[in-house]
């Protein structure tokens, strides 16, 4: 009574005399407040709607044989249940229906996984998993139970993995394949580098053949401090080449004494110019109008 009296004193009061009911309709009075405070929460609804009850089993871990039965796969199978009832059955009743079907469903799922996994080699879990799930989808496409206004549908999925024994073997094989691939990539890089170096050297030597000063330029590039010695050697070699060329010309002229000297010079003018230019000897431009040509 003291608690009720304290609650009455703390609640707001309306002013005015003769008000027999100080609380408006819908407002909580002290009695209703106490009742709401002490009453238990509403009980949960025990009947599911048309969507039914959904439940998931703990994953099933299986060891199933691979092709040849010498090695195995590790399989993890998950089973999801959906139970619908049209007669308003309780959760307990629906779960009892699932429990009655569970052993049969697990047995069918294991049989499918074992049968399909035997088609694949033990190092192909991805291909085996894809085919196993296709077969499971086909196997459980229809409701597993449908009577007495109760329909049970099952969704089964499987994950196929390598066993530890096969995984270790695949690690050794994978490491060996990686080493082979790495060696091939190194060889390809070396070949590519050699090809580019060969082409560069070919162009370099080709330019050197066309320019008589290229050899001396290379010497200076390797040792820039020996400029004076290189220049001296270059001049001496040019002089020696010019002298050798003149000796050859003298021999040709001596062998052709029966031929008119003017005709020999006129016919050999182009060849002599090219030879002298290759030797680095300055050559004057050709003259087309020579006075003795008119006399002839």
C-alpha atoms as a PDB file:
ATOM      1  CA  UNK A   1       0.000   0.000   0.000  1.00  0.00           C
ATOM      2  CA  UNK A   2       2.855   2.381   0.702  1.00  0.00           C
ATOM      3  CA  UNK A   3       4.242   1.747  -2.800  1.00  0.00           C
ATOM      4  CA  UNK A   4       0.834   2.489  -4.312  1.00  0.00           C
ATOM      5  CA  UNK A   5       0.542   5.653  -2.235  1.00  0.00           C
ATOM      6  CA  UNK A   6       3.937   6.892  -3.443  1.00  0.00           C
ATOM      7  CA  UNK A   7       2.981   6.243  -7.060  1.00  0.00           C
ATOM      8  CA  UNK A   8      -0.240   8.221  -6.606  1.00  0.00           C
ATOM      9  CA  UNK A   9       1.657  11.185  -5.206  1.00  0.00           C
ATOM     10  CA  UNK A  10       4.148  11.260  -8.112  1.00  0.00           C
ATOM     11  CA  UNK A  11       1.535  11.092 -10.857  1.00  0.00           C
ATOM     12  CA  UNK A  12       0.329  14.490 -12.254  1.00  0.00           C
ATOM     13  CA  UNK A  13      -3.099  15.679 -11.095  1.00  0.00           C
ATOM     14  CA  UNK A  14      -5.655  17.793 -12.891  1.00  0.00           C
ATOM     15  CA  UNK A  15      -6.815  21.022 -11.337  1.00  0.00           C
ATOM     16  CA  UNK A  16     -10.484  21.603 -10.715  1.00  0.00           C
ATOM     17  CA  UNK A  17     -13.074  20.388  -8.274  1.00  0.00           C
ATOM     18  CA  UNK A  18     -15.613  17.733  -8.853  1.00  0.00           C
ATOM     19  CA  UNK A  19     -13.438  15.827 -11.313  1.00  0.00           C
ATOM     20  CA  UNK A  20     -14.184  12.225 -10.466  1.00  0.00           C
ATOM     21  CA  UNK A  21     -11.863  10.856 -13.174  1.00  0.00           C
ATOM     22  CA  UNK A  22      -8.676  12.943 -13.380  1.00  0.00           C
ATOM     23  CA  UNK A  23      -7.197  10.804 -16.257  1.00  0.00           C
ATOM     24  CA  UNK A  24      -8.336  11.061 -19.834  1.00  0.00           C
ATOM     25  CA  UNK A  25      -9.423   8.087 -21.864  1.00  0.00           C
ATOM     26  CA  UNK A  26      -6.342   6.178 -22.926  1.00  0.00           C
ATOM     27  CA  UNK A  27      -4.123   7.571 -20.160  1.00  0.00           C
ATOM     28  CA  UNK A  28      -2.658   5.207 -17.607  1.00  0.00           C
ATOM     29  CA  UNK A  29      -3.890   5.437 -14.092  1.00  0.00           C
ATOM     30  CA  UNK A  30      -1.991   4.100 -11.091  1.00  0.00           C
ATOM     31  CA  UNK A  31      -3.770   0.744 -11.134  1.00  0.00           C
ATOM     32  CA  UNK A  32      -3.142   0.073 -14.839  1.00  0.00           C
ATOM     33  CA  UNK A  33       0.474   1.203 -14.488  1.00  0.00           C
ATOM     34  CA  UNK A  34       1.081  -1.289 -11.720  1.00  0.00           C
ATOM     35  CA  UNK A  35      -0.585  -4.058 -13.710  1.00  0.00           C
ATOM     36  CA  UNK A  36       1.521  -3.350 -16.809  1.00  0.00           C
ATOM     37  CA  UNK A  37       4.702  -3.225 -14.769  1.00  0.00           C
ATOM     38  CA  UNK A  38       4.203  -6.589 -13.088  1.00  0.00           C
ATOM     39  CA  UNK A  39       2.603  -8.631 -15.889  1.00  0.00           C
ATOM     40  CA  UNK A  40       4.866 -11.140 -17.774  1.00  0.00           C
ATOM     41  CA  UNK A  41       5.874 -10.571 -21.434  1.00  0.00           C
ATOM     42  CA  UNK A  42       3.592 -12.027 -24.094  1.00  0.00           C
ATOM     43  CA  UNK A  43       4.239 -15.669 -24.949  1.00  0.00           C
ATOM     44  CA  UNK A  44       5.913 -16.303 -28.374  1.00  0.00           C
ATOM     45  CA  UNK A  45       3.738 -17.419 -31.267  1.00  0.00           C
ATOM     46  CA  UNK A  46       4.080 -21.165 -31.568  1.00  0.00           C
ATOM     47  CA  UNK A  47       2.639 -21.538 -35.087  1.00  0.00           C
ATOM     48  CA  UNK A  48       4.630 -20.569 -38.192  1.00  0.00           C
ATOM     49  CA  UNK A  49       3.091 -18.976 -41.238  1.00  0.00           C
ATOM     50  CA  UNK A  50       3.148 -20.342 -44.773  1.00  0.00           C
ATOM     51  CA  UNK A  51       6.893 -19.699 -45.061  1.00  0.00           C
ATOM     52  CA  UNK A  52       7.436 -22.537 -42.635  1.00  0.00           C
ATOM     53  CA  UNK A  53      10.406 -23.480 -40.492  1.00  0.00           C
ATOM     54  CA  UNK A  54      13.977 -23.125 -41.731  1.00  0.00           C
ATOM     55  CA  UNK A  55      16.762 -25.106 -40.129  1.00  0.00           C
ATOM     56  CA  UNK A  56      20.390 -25.913 -40.938  1.00  0.00           C
ATOM     57  CA  UNK A  57      22.229 -29.046 -39.885  1.00  0.00           C
ATOM     58  CA  UNK A  58      25.787 -29.052 -38.668  1.00  0.00           C
ATOM     59  CA  UNK A  59      28.203 -29.663 -41.578  1.00  0.00           C
ATOM     60  CA  UNK A  60      28.847 -33.306 -42.394  1.00  0.00           C
ATOM     61  CA  UNK A  61      32.549 -34.088 -42.818  1.00  0.00           C
ATOM     62  CA  UNK A  62      33.112 -37.051 -45.120  1.00  0.00           C
ATOM     63  CA  UNK A  63      36.126 -38.819 -46.596  1.00  0.00           C
ATOM     64  CA  UNK A  64      35.080 -40.136 -50.003  1.00  0.00           C
ATOM     65  CA  UNK A  65      37.183 -42.151 -52.472  1.00  0.00           C
ATOM     66  CA  UNK A  66      38.578 -40.616 -55.647  1.00  0.00           C
ATOM     67  CA  UNK A  67      39.077 -42.379 -58.961  1.00  0.00           C
ATOM     68  CA  UNK A  68      40.903 -45.651 -58.457  1.00  0.00           C
ATOM     69  CA  UNK A  69      40.178 -45.664 -54.695  1.00  0.00           C
ATOM     70  CA  UNK A  70      43.893 -45.200 -53.940  1.00  0.00           C
ATOM     71  CA  UNK A  71      43.369 -41.627 -52.714  1.00  0.00           C
ATOM     72  CA  UNK A  72      40.414 -39.745 -51.270  1.00  0.00           C
ATOM     73  CA  UNK A  73      38.676 -36.392 -51.139  1.00  0.00           C
ATOM     74  CA  UNK A  74      37.629 -34.491 -48.048  1.00  0.00           C
ATOM     75  CA  UNK A  75      33.979 -33.469 -48.409  1.00  0.00           C
ATOM     76  CA  UNK A  76      31.970 -31.049 -46.270  1.00  0.00           C
ATOM     77  CA  UNK A  77      28.215 -31.356 -46.840  1.00  0.00           C
ATOM     78  CA  UNK A  78      25.669 -28.800 -45.600  1.00  0.00           C
ATOM     79  CA  UNK A  79      21.950 -29.564 -45.402  1.00  0.00           C
ATOM     80  CA  UNK A  80      19.287 -26.837 -45.180  1.00  0.00           C
ATOM     81  CA  UNK A  81      15.675 -27.705 -44.336  1.00  0.00           C
ATOM     82  CA  UNK A  82      12.434 -25.933 -45.096  1.00  0.00           C
ATOM     83  CA  UNK A  83       9.219 -27.333 -43.582  1.00  0.00           C
ATOM     84  CA  UNK A  84       5.786 -25.918 -44.325  1.00  0.00           C
ATOM     85  CA  UNK A  85       2.545 -27.035 -42.745  1.00  0.00           C
ATOM     86  CA  UNK A  86      -1.018 -26.146 -43.542  1.00  0.00           C
ATOM     87  CA  UNK A  87      -2.556 -27.432 -40.313  1.00  0.00           C
ATOM     88  CA  UNK A  88      -0.861 -24.981 -37.932  1.00  0.00           C
ATOM     89  CA  UNK A  89       1.612 -27.389 -36.386  1.00  0.00           C
ATOM     90  CA  UNK A  90       3.967 -26.146 -33.699  1.00  0.00           C
ATOM     91  CA  UNK A  91       7.718 -25.745 -33.962  1.00  0.00           C
ATOM     92  CA  UNK A  92       8.227 -28.906 -31.966  1.00  0.00           C
ATOM     93  CA  UNK A  93       6.119 -30.884 -34.392  1.00  0.00           C
ATOM     94  CA  UNK A  94       7.924 -29.478 -37.430  1.00  0.00           C
ATOM     95  CA  UNK A  95      11.313 -30.254 -35.917  1.00  0.00           C
ATOM     96  CA  UNK A  96      10.141 -33.771 -35.192  1.00  0.00           C
ATOM     97  CA  UNK A  97       9.301 -34.147 -38.884  1.00  0.00           C
ATOM     98  CA  UNK A  98      12.823 -32.968 -39.784  1.00  0.00           C
ATOM     99  CA  UNK A  99      14.377 -35.383 -37.299  1.00  0.00           C
ATOM    100  CA  UNK A 100      12.449 -38.253 -38.847  1.00  0.00           C
ATOM    101  CA  UNK A 101      13.760 -37.411 -42.325  1.00  0.00           C
ATOM    102  CA  UNK A 102      17.334 -36.509 -41.333  1.00  0.00           C
ATOM    103  CA  UNK A 103      18.996 -39.990 -41.407  1.00  0.00           C
ATOM    104  CA  UNK A 104      17.533 -40.784 -44.811  1.00  0.00           C
ATOM    105  CA  UNK A 105      18.583 -37.430 -46.289  1.00  0.00           C
ATOM    106  CA  UNK A 106      22.115 -37.720 -44.923  1.00  0.00           C
ATOM    107  CA  UNK A 107      22.432 -41.216 -46.355  1.00  0.00           C
ATOM    108  CA  UNK A 108      21.240 -40.098 -49.795  1.00  0.00           C
ATOM    109  CA  UNK A 109      23.586 -37.105 -49.796  1.00  0.00           C
ATOM    110  CA  UNK A 110      26.589 -39.235 -48.845  1.00  0.00           C
ATOM    111  CA  UNK A 111      25.736 -41.773 -51.542  1.00  0.00           C
ATOM    112  CA  UNK A 112      25.622 -39.051 -54.218  1.00  0.00           C
ATOM    113  CA  UNK A 113      28.903 -37.503 -53.090  1.00  0.00           C
ATOM    114  CA  UNK A 114      30.710 -40.857 -53.051  1.00  0.00           C
ATOM    115  CA  UNK A 115      29.322 -41.943 -56.409  1.00  0.00           C
ATOM    116  CA  UNK A 116      30.230 -38.734 -58.239  1.00  0.00           C
ATOM    117  CA  UNK A 117      33.610 -38.204 -56.543  1.00  0.00           C
ATOM    118  CA  UNK A 118      34.813 -41.580 -57.836  1.00  0.00           C
ATOM    119  CA  UNK A 119      34.744 -40.168 -61.374  1.00  0.00           C
ATOM    120  CA  UNK A 120      37.569 -37.707 -60.715  1.00  0.00           C
ATOM    121  CA  UNK A 121      41.268 -37.931 -59.989  1.00  0.00           C
ATOM    122  CA  UNK A 122      42.295 -36.976 -56.445  1.00  0.00           C
ATOM    123  CA  UNK A 123      44.027 -33.767 -57.586  1.00  0.00           C
ATOM    124  CA  UNK A 124      40.879 -32.314 -59.219  1.00  0.00           C
ATOM    125  CA  UNK A 125      38.663 -31.189 -56.322  1.00  0.00           C
ATOM    126  CA  UNK A 126      37.268 -28.213 -58.232  1.00  0.00           C
ATOM    127  CA  UNK A 127      35.910 -30.301 -61.087  1.00  0.00           C
ATOM    128  CA  UNK A 128      34.593 -32.896 -58.648  1.00  0.00           C
ATOM    129  CA  UNK A 129      32.832 -30.247 -56.524  1.00  0.00           C
ATOM    130  CA  UNK A 130      31.074 -28.747 -59.536  1.00  0.00           C
ATOM    131  CA  UNK A 131      29.735 -32.106 -60.696  1.00  0.00           C
ATOM    132  CA  UNK A 132      28.786 -33.226 -57.174  1.00  0.00           C
ATOM    133  CA  UNK A 133      26.672 -30.116 -56.600  1.00  0.00           C
ATOM    134  CA  UNK A 134      24.936 -30.607 -59.944  1.00  0.00           C
ATOM    135  CA  UNK A 135      24.001 -34.147 -58.945  1.00  0.00           C
ATOM    136  CA  UNK A 136      22.856 -33.020 -55.482  1.00  0.00           C
ATOM    137  CA  UNK A 137      20.628 -30.341 -57.001  1.00  0.00           C
ATOM    138  CA  UNK A 138      19.028 -32.936 -59.259  1.00  0.00           C
ATOM    139  CA  UNK A 139      18.708 -35.489 -56.459  1.00  0.00           C
ATOM    140  CA  UNK A 140      16.891 -33.129 -54.082  1.00  0.00           C
ATOM    141  CA  UNK A 141      14.928 -31.099 -56.613  1.00  0.00           C
ATOM    142  CA  UNK A 142      11.621 -32.522 -55.340  1.00  0.00           C
ATOM    143  CA  UNK A 143      10.321 -32.398 -51.746  1.00  0.00           C
ATOM    144  CA  UNK A 144      11.656 -35.229 -49.648  1.00  0.00           C
ATOM    145  CA  UNK A 145       8.371 -35.511 -47.727  1.00  0.00           C
ATOM    146  CA  UNK A 146       4.897 -34.354 -48.687  1.00  0.00           C
ATOM    147  CA  UNK A 147       1.891 -35.705 -46.796  1.00  0.00           C
ATOM    148  CA  UNK A 148      -0.520 -34.746 -43.994  1.00  0.00           C
ATOM    149  CA  UNK A 149      -0.278 -31.077 -45.054  1.00  0.00           C
ATOM    150  CA  UNK A 150       3.464 -31.149 -44.290  1.00  0.00           C
ATOM    151  CA  UNK A 151       6.025 -30.455 -47.048  1.00  0.00           C
ATOM    152  CA  UNK A 152       9.737 -30.866 -46.416  1.00  0.00           C
ATOM    153  CA  UNK A 153      12.243 -29.562 -48.962  1.00  0.00           C
ATOM    154  CA  UNK A 154      15.992 -29.968 -48.639  1.00  0.00           C
ATOM    155  CA  UNK A 155      18.911 -28.023 -50.119  1.00  0.00           C
ATOM    156  CA  UNK A 156      22.233 -29.870 -50.043  1.00  0.00           C
ATOM    157  CA  UNK A 157      25.603 -28.364 -50.964  1.00  0.00           C
ATOM    158  CA  UNK A 158      29.056 -29.931 -50.879  1.00  0.00           C
ATOM    159  CA  UNK A 159      32.609 -28.636 -50.720  1.00  0.00           C
ATOM    160  CA  UNK A 160      35.299 -30.976 -52.049  1.00  0.00           C
ATOM    161  CA  UNK A 161      38.867 -30.505 -50.828  1.00  0.00           C
ATOM    162  CA  UNK A 162      42.208 -32.261 -51.121  1.00  0.00           C
ATOM    163  CA  UNK A 163      43.314 -34.618 -48.400  1.00  0.00           C
ATOM    164  CA  UNK A 164      46.540 -33.757 -46.594  1.00  0.00           C
ATOM    165  CA  UNK A 165      48.372 -36.617 -48.304  1.00  0.00           C
ATOM    166  CA  UNK A 166      47.428 -35.440 -51.780  1.00  0.00           C
ATOM    167  CA  UNK A 167      48.035 -31.815 -50.800  1.00  0.00           C
ATOM    168  CA  UNK A 168      51.648 -32.573 -49.867  1.00  0.00           C
ATOM    169  CA  UNK A 169      52.198 -34.377 -53.167  1.00  0.00           C
ATOM    170  CA  UNK A 170      50.681 -31.446 -55.058  1.00  0.00           C
ATOM    171  CA  UNK A 171      52.946 -29.039 -53.192  1.00  0.00           C
ATOM    172  CA  UNK A 172      56.052 -30.888 -54.378  1.00  0.00           C
ATOM    173  CA  UNK A 173      54.698 -31.046 -57.917  1.00  0.00           C
ATOM    174  CA  UNK A 174      53.659 -27.407 -57.893  1.00  0.00           C
ATOM    175  CA  UNK A 175      57.072 -26.334 -56.621  1.00  0.00           C
ATOM    176  CA  UNK A 176      58.810 -28.315 -59.373  1.00  0.00           C
ATOM    177  CA  UNK A 177      56.522 -26.815 -62.024  1.00  0.00           C
ATOM    178  CA  UNK A 178      57.166 -23.317 -60.694  1.00  0.00           C
ATOM    179  CA  UNK A 179      60.914 -23.882 -60.895  1.00  0.00           C
ATOM    180  CA  UNK A 180      60.596 -25.112 -64.489  1.00  0.00           C
ATOM    181  CA  UNK A 181      58.454 -22.125 -65.404  1.00  0.00           C
ATOM    182  CA  UNK A 182      60.872 -19.739 -63.711  1.00  0.00           C
ATOM    183  CA  UNK A 183      63.831 -21.263 -65.594  1.00  0.00           C
ATOM    184  CA  UNK A 184      61.948 -20.935 -68.873  1.00  0.00           C
ATOM    185  CA  UNK A 185      61.180 -17.283 -68.176  1.00  0.00           C
ATOM    186  CA  UNK A 186      64.852 -16.659 -67.372  1.00  0.00           C
ATOM    187  CA  UNK A 187      65.932 -18.364 -70.621  1.00  0.00           C
ATOM    188  CA  UNK A 188      63.416 -16.330 -72.609  1.00  0.00           C
ATOM    189  CA  UNK A 189      64.668 -13.117 -71.011  1.00  0.00           C
ATOM    190  CA  UNK A 190      68.293 -14.037 -71.835  1.00  0.00           C
ATOM    191  CA  UNK A 191      67.387 -14.866 -75.437  1.00  0.00           C
ATOM    192  CA  UNK A 192      65.467 -11.629 -75.836  1.00  0.00           C
ATOM    193  CA  UNK A 193      68.349  -9.634 -74.409  1.00  0.00           C
ATOM    194  CA  UNK A 194      70.859 -11.406 -76.676  1.00  0.00           C
ATOM    195  CA  UNK A 195      68.675 -10.748 -79.728  1.00  0.00           C
ATOM    196  CA  UNK A 196      68.449  -7.050 -78.978  1.00  0.00           C
ATOM    197  CA  UNK A 197      72.179  -6.865 -78.243  1.00  0.00           C
ATOM    198  CA  UNK A 198      72.957  -8.644 -81.520  1.00  0.00           C
ATOM    199  CA  UNK A 199      70.823  -6.193 -83.490  1.00  0.00           C
ATOM    200  CA  UNK A 200      72.426  -3.235 -81.746  1.00  0.00           C
ATOM    201  CA  UNK A 201      75.935  -4.523 -82.439  1.00  0.00           C
ATOM    202  CA  UNK A 202      75.032  -5.218 -86.070  1.00  0.00           C
ATOM    203  CA  UNK A 203      73.897  -1.641 -86.567  1.00  0.00           C
ATOM    204  CA  UNK A 204      76.976  -0.391 -84.755  1.00  0.00           C
ATOM    205  CA  UNK A 205      79.383  -2.393 -86.926  1.00  0.00           C
ATOM    206  CA  UNK A 206      77.464  -1.510 -90.077  1.00  0.00           C
ATOM    207  CA  UNK A 207      77.853   2.186 -89.331  1.00  0.00           C
ATOM    208  CA  UNK A 208      81.542   1.609 -88.610  1.00  0.00           C
ATOM    209  CA  UNK A 209      82.066  -0.001 -92.015  1.00  0.00           C
ATOM    210  CA  UNK A 210      80.562   3.016 -93.740  1.00  0.00           C
ATOM    211  CA  UNK A 211      82.629   5.554 -91.786  1.00  0.00           C
ATOM    212  CA  UNK A 212      86.426   5.135 -91.723  1.00  0.00           C
ATOM    213  CA  UNK A 213      86.687   7.288 -88.584  1.00  0.00           C
ATOM    214  CA  UNK A 214      84.306   5.072 -86.556  1.00  0.00           C
ATOM    215  CA  UNK A 215      87.123   2.803 -85.326  1.00  0.00           C
ATOM    216  CA  UNK A 216      89.055   5.739 -83.910  1.00  0.00           C
ATOM    217  CA  UNK A 217      85.895   7.152 -82.354  1.00  0.00           C
ATOM    218  CA  UNK A 218      85.384   3.853 -80.522  1.00  0.00           C
ATOM    219  CA  UNK A 219      88.941   3.992 -79.208  1.00  0.00           C
ATOM    220  CA  UNK A 220      88.348   7.486 -77.870  1.00  0.00           C
ATOM    221  CA  UNK A 221      85.047   6.373 -76.318  1.00  0.00           C
ATOM    222  CA  UNK A 222      86.879   3.622 -74.416  1.00  0.00           C
ATOM    223  CA  UNK A 223      89.836   5.837 -73.436  1.00  0.00           C
ATOM    224  CA  UNK A 224      89.172   9.571 -73.892  1.00  0.00           C
ATOM    225  CA  UNK A 225      92.595  10.536 -72.504  1.00  0.00           C
ATOM    226  CA  UNK A 226      94.499   9.175 -75.523  1.00  0.00           C
ATOM    227  CA  UNK A 227      93.209  11.736 -78.014  1.00  0.00           C
ATOM    228  CA  UNK A 228      96.647  12.800 -79.305  1.00  0.00           C
ATOM    229  CA  UNK A 229      97.819   9.248 -79.911  1.00  0.00           C
ATOM    230  CA  UNK A 230      94.614   8.306 -81.690  1.00  0.00           C
ATOM    231  CA  UNK A 231      94.789  11.375 -83.928  1.00  0.00           C
ATOM    232  CA  UNK A 232      98.412  10.607 -84.847  1.00  0.00           C
ATOM    233  CA  UNK A 233      97.587   7.006 -85.667  1.00  0.00           C
ATOM    234  CA  UNK A 234      94.607   8.076 -87.744  1.00  0.00           C
ATOM    235  CA  UNK A 235      96.678  10.513 -89.835  1.00  0.00           C
ATOM    236  CA  UNK A 236      99.472   8.000 -90.370  1.00  0.00           C
ATOM    237  CA  UNK A 237      97.024   5.320 -91.469  1.00  0.00           C
ATOM    238  CA  UNK A 238      95.346   7.769 -93.854  1.00  0.00           C
ATOM    239  CA  UNK A 239      98.683   8.628 -95.395  1.00  0.00           C
ATOM    240  CA  UNK A 240      99.628   4.993 -95.730  1.00  0.00           C
ATOM    241  CA  UNK A 241      96.262   4.156 -97.304  1.00  0.00           C
ATOM    242  CA  UNK A 242      96.635   7.038 -99.756  1.00  0.00           C
ATOM    243  CA  UNK A 243     100.156   5.905-100.693  1.00  0.00           C
ATOM    244  CA  UNK A 244      98.945   2.344-101.215  1.00  0.00           C
ATOM    245  CA  UNK A 245      96.149   3.627-103.383  1.00  0.00           C
ATOM    246  CA  UNK A 246      98.548   5.686-105.499  1.00  0.00           C
ATOM    247  CA  UNK A 247     100.776   2.662-105.964  1.00  0.00           C
ATOM    248  CA  UNK A 248      97.801   0.692-107.212  1.00  0.00           C
ATOM    249  CA  UNK A 249      96.897   3.487-109.630  1.00  0.00           C
ATOM    250  CA  UNK A 250     100.465   3.543-110.958  1.00  0.00           C
ATOM    251  CA  UNK A 251     100.334  -0.183-111.541  1.00  0.00           C
ATOM    252  CA  UNK A 252      97.055   0.142-113.403  1.00  0.00           C
ATOM    253  CA  UNK A 253      98.396   2.991-115.554  1.00  0.00           C
ATOM    254  CA  UNK A 254     101.573   1.060-116.328  1.00  0.00           C
ATOM    255  CA  UNK A 255      99.519  -1.936-117.367  1.00  0.00           C
ATOM    256  CA  UNK A 256      97.360   0.215-119.623  1.00  0.00           C
ATOM    257  CA  UNK A 257     100.094   2.186-121.419  1.00  0.00           C
ATOM    258  CA  UNK A 258      98.621   1.214-124.755  1.00  0.00           C
ATOM    259  CA  UNK A 259      95.427   2.995-123.829  1.00  0.00           C
ATOM    260  CA  UNK A 260      95.102   6.739-124.120  1.00  0.00           C
ATOM    261  CA  UNK A 261      95.760   8.288-120.686  1.00  0.00           C
ATOM    262  CA  UNK A 262      92.990  10.824-121.091  1.00  0.00           C
ATOM    263  CA  UNK A 263      90.427   8.158-121.869  1.00  0.00           C
ATOM    264  CA  UNK A 264      91.596   6.167-118.851  1.00  0.00           C
ATOM    265  CA  UNK A 265      91.246   9.140-116.518  1.00  0.00           C
ATOM    266  CA  UNK A 266      87.884  10.175-117.928  1.00  0.00           C
ATOM    267  CA  UNK A 267      86.482   6.644-117.642  1.00  0.00           C
ATOM    268  CA  UNK A 268      87.859   6.120-114.148  1.00  0.00           C
ATOM    269  CA  UNK A 269      86.859   9.510-112.724  1.00  0.00           C
ATOM    270  CA  UNK A 270      83.758   8.228-110.923  1.00  0.00           C
ATOM    271  CA  UNK A 271      85.524   5.204-109.460  1.00  0.00           C
ATOM    272  CA  UNK A 272      88.473   7.288-108.314  1.00  0.00           C
ATOM    273  CA  UNK A 273      86.212   9.815-106.613  1.00  0.00           C
ATOM    274  CA  UNK A 274      84.375   7.134-104.645  1.00  0.00           C
ATOM    275  CA  UNK A 275      87.631   5.475-103.615  1.00  0.00           C
ATOM    276  CA  UNK A 276      89.198   8.756-102.489  1.00  0.00           C
ATOM    277  CA  UNK A 277      86.072   9.718-100.530  1.00  0.00           C
ATOM    278  CA  UNK A 278      86.142   6.351 -98.747  1.00  0.00           C
ATOM    279  CA  UNK A 279      89.791   6.968 -97.860  1.00  0.00           C
ATOM    280  CA  UNK A 280      88.949  10.372 -96.428  1.00  0.00           C
ATOM    281  CA  UNK A 281      90.844  12.346 -99.047  1.00  0.00           C
ATOM    282  CA  UNK A 282      89.174  15.664 -99.967  1.00  0.00           C
ATOM    283  CA  UNK A 283      87.929  15.545-103.555  1.00  0.00           C
ATOM    284  CA  UNK A 284      86.915  18.662-105.545  1.00  0.00           C
ATOM    285  CA  UNK A 285      83.511  18.647-107.197  1.00  0.00           C
ATOM    286  CA  UNK A 286      83.407  17.266-110.734  1.00  0.00           C
ATOM    287  CA  UNK A 287      83.634  19.755-113.595  1.00  0.00           C
ATOM    288  CA  UNK A 288      81.402  19.109-116.542  1.00  0.00           C
ATOM    289  CA  UNK A 289      82.752  21.723-118.999  1.00  0.00           C
ATOM    290  CA  UNK A 290      86.459  21.071-119.535  1.00  0.00           C
ATOM    291  CA  UNK A 291      88.240  23.005-122.293  1.00  0.00           C
ATOM    292  CA  UNK A 292      90.028  19.997-123.719  1.00  0.00           C
ATOM    293  CA  UNK A 293      86.732  18.140-124.076  1.00  0.00           C
ATOM    294  CA  UNK A 294      85.680  20.692-126.703  1.00  0.00           C
ATOM    295  CA  UNK A 295      88.973  20.308-128.575  1.00  0.00           C
ATOM    296  CA  UNK A 296      88.449  16.592-128.765  1.00  0.00           C
END
